[in-house]
Amino acid sequence: MNIDIKKLRENAIIPTRGSEYAAGYDLYACIEKSVTIKPHTTEKIGTGLAMSIPEGYFGAIFARSGLAAKQGLRPANCVGVADSDYRGEYIVALHNDTDSEKVIEPNDRIAQLVIMPFLSVEFCEVVELDETVRGVGGFGSTGK
């Protein structure tokens, strides 16, 4: 699959994969200078890129495991959703979960993009739903 991508700024970096079988493509900070993220706050970090994702797919923006585990930084919305009709800049709202300031430098890898298919559905209102063994059992109802 080909994804059309446009550099909105000359210093933007095209997403890369860390290994041949990696599902995620690293997104890079396209910023002019360092950005400090204060404890328990969020800063929007641009990538300098816009994309045209094919119909029937979307771009899921996930945390980079190393950044989250080692630095305590993650996308503020946990998983970003970039719809196929979105043509603006891909911006990652990075949240600092720690008690110390964190610094994002130009060209740092800040998140990962996974292109995923989705099902388009129509919701049909009904009076009753079909019965199941589980029924209405919710949080913790199937075990520990």
Protein backbone atom coordinates (compact mmCIF):
# COMPACT_ATOMS: atom_id res chain seq x y z
CA MET A 1 0.00 0.00 0.00
CA ASN A 2 1.25 3.47 -0.83
CA ILE A 3 0.51 6.44 1.42
CA ASP A 4 0.81 9.89 -0.13
CA ILE A 5 2.67 12.16 2.28
CA LYS A 6 3.40 15.87 2.10
CA LYS A 7 6.16 17.69 3.95
CA LEU A 8 4.66 20.87 5.36
CA ARG A 9 8.10 22.00 6.52
CA GLU A 10 11.42 21.23 4.88
CA ASN A 11 12.92 19.69 8.03
CA ALA A 12 10.07 17.17 8.49
CA ILE A 13 11.14 13.52 8.57
CA ILE A 14 9.22 10.82 6.70
CA PRO A 15 8.08 8.07 9.15
CA THR A 16 10.42 5.11 9.52
CA ARG A 17 10.21 1.58 10.91
CA GLY A 18 12.60 0.28 13.55
CA SER A 19 12.71 -3.20 12.01
CA GLU A 20 11.51 -5.05 8.92
CA TYR A 21 8.42 -6.46 10.66
CA ALA A 22 7.52 -3.48 12.86
CA ALA A 23 3.84 -2.56 12.57
CA GLY A 24 4.44 1.02 13.67
CA TYR A 25 6.20 3.79 11.79
CA ASP A 26 8.02 6.29 14.00
CA LEU A 27 6.80 9.89 13.90
CA TYR A 28 9.39 12.60 14.49
CA ALA A 29 9.16 15.98 16.20
CA CYS A 30 9.34 18.75 13.62
CA ILE A 31 10.13 21.63 15.94
CA GLU A 32 12.60 24.53 15.72
CA LYS A 33 13.82 24.28 19.31
CA SER A 34 13.47 22.10 22.39
CA VAL A 35 10.04 21.84 24.01
CA THR A 36 9.80 21.27 27.77
CA ILE A 37 6.79 19.33 29.00
CA LYS A 38 6.11 20.13 32.63
CA PRO A 39 4.96 17.35 35.00
CA HIS A 40 1.39 16.18 34.42
CA THR A 41 0.86 18.53 31.47
CA THR A 42 0.46 18.14 27.72
CA GLU A 43 2.24 19.83 24.81
CA LYS A 44 1.31 19.54 21.15
CA ILE A 45 4.27 18.50 19.01
CA GLY A 46 3.99 18.80 15.24
CA THR A 47 5.45 16.32 12.78
CA GLY A 48 5.49 18.70 9.81
CA LEU A 49 3.64 16.07 7.78
CA ALA A 50 0.21 15.65 6.20
CA MET A 51 -0.98 12.35 4.71
CA SER A 52 -3.61 10.89 2.47
CA ILE A 53 -4.65 7.57 3.98
CA PRO A 54 -6.78 5.38 1.69
CA GLU A 55 -10.52 5.07 2.26
CA GLY A 56 -11.35 2.19 4.59
CA TYR A 57 -8.23 2.79 6.70
CA PHE A 58 -7.12 5.22 9.41
CA GLY A 59 -3.86 6.18 11.05
CA ALA A 60 -3.67 5.04 14.67
CA ILE A 61 -1.14 7.05 16.65
CA PHE A 62 0.25 5.06 19.57
CA ALA A 63 2.88 5.69 22.22
CA ARG A 64 6.40 4.53 21.51
CA SER A 65 7.01 1.86 24.14
CA GLY A 66 10.47 3.14 25.09
CA LEU A 67 9.31 6.74 25.43
CA ALA A 68 6.36 5.69 27.58
CA ALA A 69 8.23 3.19 29.76
CA LYS A 70 11.51 5.08 30.17
CA GLN A 71 10.41 8.73 29.95
CA GLY A 72 6.76 8.62 31.05
CA LEU A 73 5.58 10.34 27.85
CA ARG A 74 2.52 9.19 25.90
CA PRO A 75 -0.12 10.61 23.59
CA ALA A 76 -2.59 12.49 25.79
CA ASN A 77 -5.55 10.73 24.20
CA CYS A 78 -3.73 7.38 24.52
CA VAL A 79 -4.49 6.48 20.90
CA GLY A 80 -4.93 9.15 18.26
CA VAL A 81 -7.19 8.54 15.28
CA ALA A 82 -6.34 10.20 11.96
CA ASP A 83 -9.24 9.63 9.58
CA SER A 84 -8.69 9.02 5.88
CA ASP A 85 -10.26 12.37 4.95
CA TYR A 86 -7.98 14.40 7.27
CA ARG A 87 -5.39 16.44 5.38
CA GLY A 88 -3.92 18.60 8.13
CA GLU A 89 -0.64 18.28 9.98
CA TYR A 90 -0.19 15.20 12.14
CA ILE A 91 0.26 16.61 15.63
CA VAL A 92 0.92 14.49 18.71
CA ALA A 93 -0.32 15.82 22.04
CA LEU A 94 2.36 14.39 24.36
CA HIS A 95 1.46 14.05 28.03
CA ASN A 96 4.07 13.88 30.79
CA ASP A 97 2.92 11.36 33.42
CA THR A 98 5.96 11.96 35.64
CA ASP A 99 6.79 14.41 38.43
CA SER A 100 9.74 15.89 36.50
CA GLU A 101 10.09 18.02 33.39
CA LYS A 102 10.76 16.19 30.12
CA VAL A 103 12.36 17.72 27.04
CA ILE A 104 11.56 16.94 23.42
CA GLU A 105 14.33 17.85 21.02
CA PRO A 106 13.99 18.52 17.29
CA ASN A 107 13.83 15.24 15.34
CA ASP A 108 13.06 13.11 18.43
CA ARG A 109 10.83 10.12 17.77
CA ILE A 110 7.59 11.01 19.59
CA ALA A 111 4.98 8.38 18.66
CA GLN A 112 4.29 5.60 16.21
CA LEU A 113 1.76 5.44 13.39
CA VAL A 114 -0.01 2.20 12.48
CA ILE A 115 -2.24 2.13 9.40
CA MET A 116 -5.33 0.08 10.23
CA PRO A 117 -8.52 -0.97 8.45
CA PHE A 118 -11.91 -0.32 10.00
CA LEU A 119 -15.47 -1.42 9.40
CA SER A 120 -18.08 1.14 8.49
CA VAL A 121 -21.31 0.21 10.26
CA GLU A 122 -24.86 1.42 10.64
CA PHE A 123 -26.51 1.36 14.04
CA CYS A 124 -29.99 -0.15 14.18
CA GLU A 125 -32.09 0.75 17.21
CA VAL A 126 -33.99 -2.24 18.63
CA VAL A 127 -36.28 -2.81 21.59
CA GLU A 128 -34.43 -5.90 22.85
CA LEU A 129 -31.01 -7.47 22.28
CA ASP A 130 -30.35 -11.19 21.88
CA GLU A 131 -29.59 -13.10 25.09
CA THR A 132 -26.07 -14.31 25.99
CA VAL A 133 -24.61 -16.29 28.88
CA ARG A 134 -22.74 -13.21 30.08
CA GLY A 135 -25.70 -10.88 29.79
CA VAL A 136 -25.19 -7.48 31.41
CA GLY A 137 -22.17 -8.53 33.52
CA GLY A 138 -19.60 -5.75 33.22
CA PHE A 139 -16.35 -4.77 34.89
CA GLY A 140 -14.74 -7.82 36.50
CA SER A 141 -17.76 -10.04 36.00
CA THR A 142 -15.92 -12.79 34.11
CA GLY A 143 -13.09 -13.33 36.58
CA LYS A 144 -10.53 -11.51 38.68
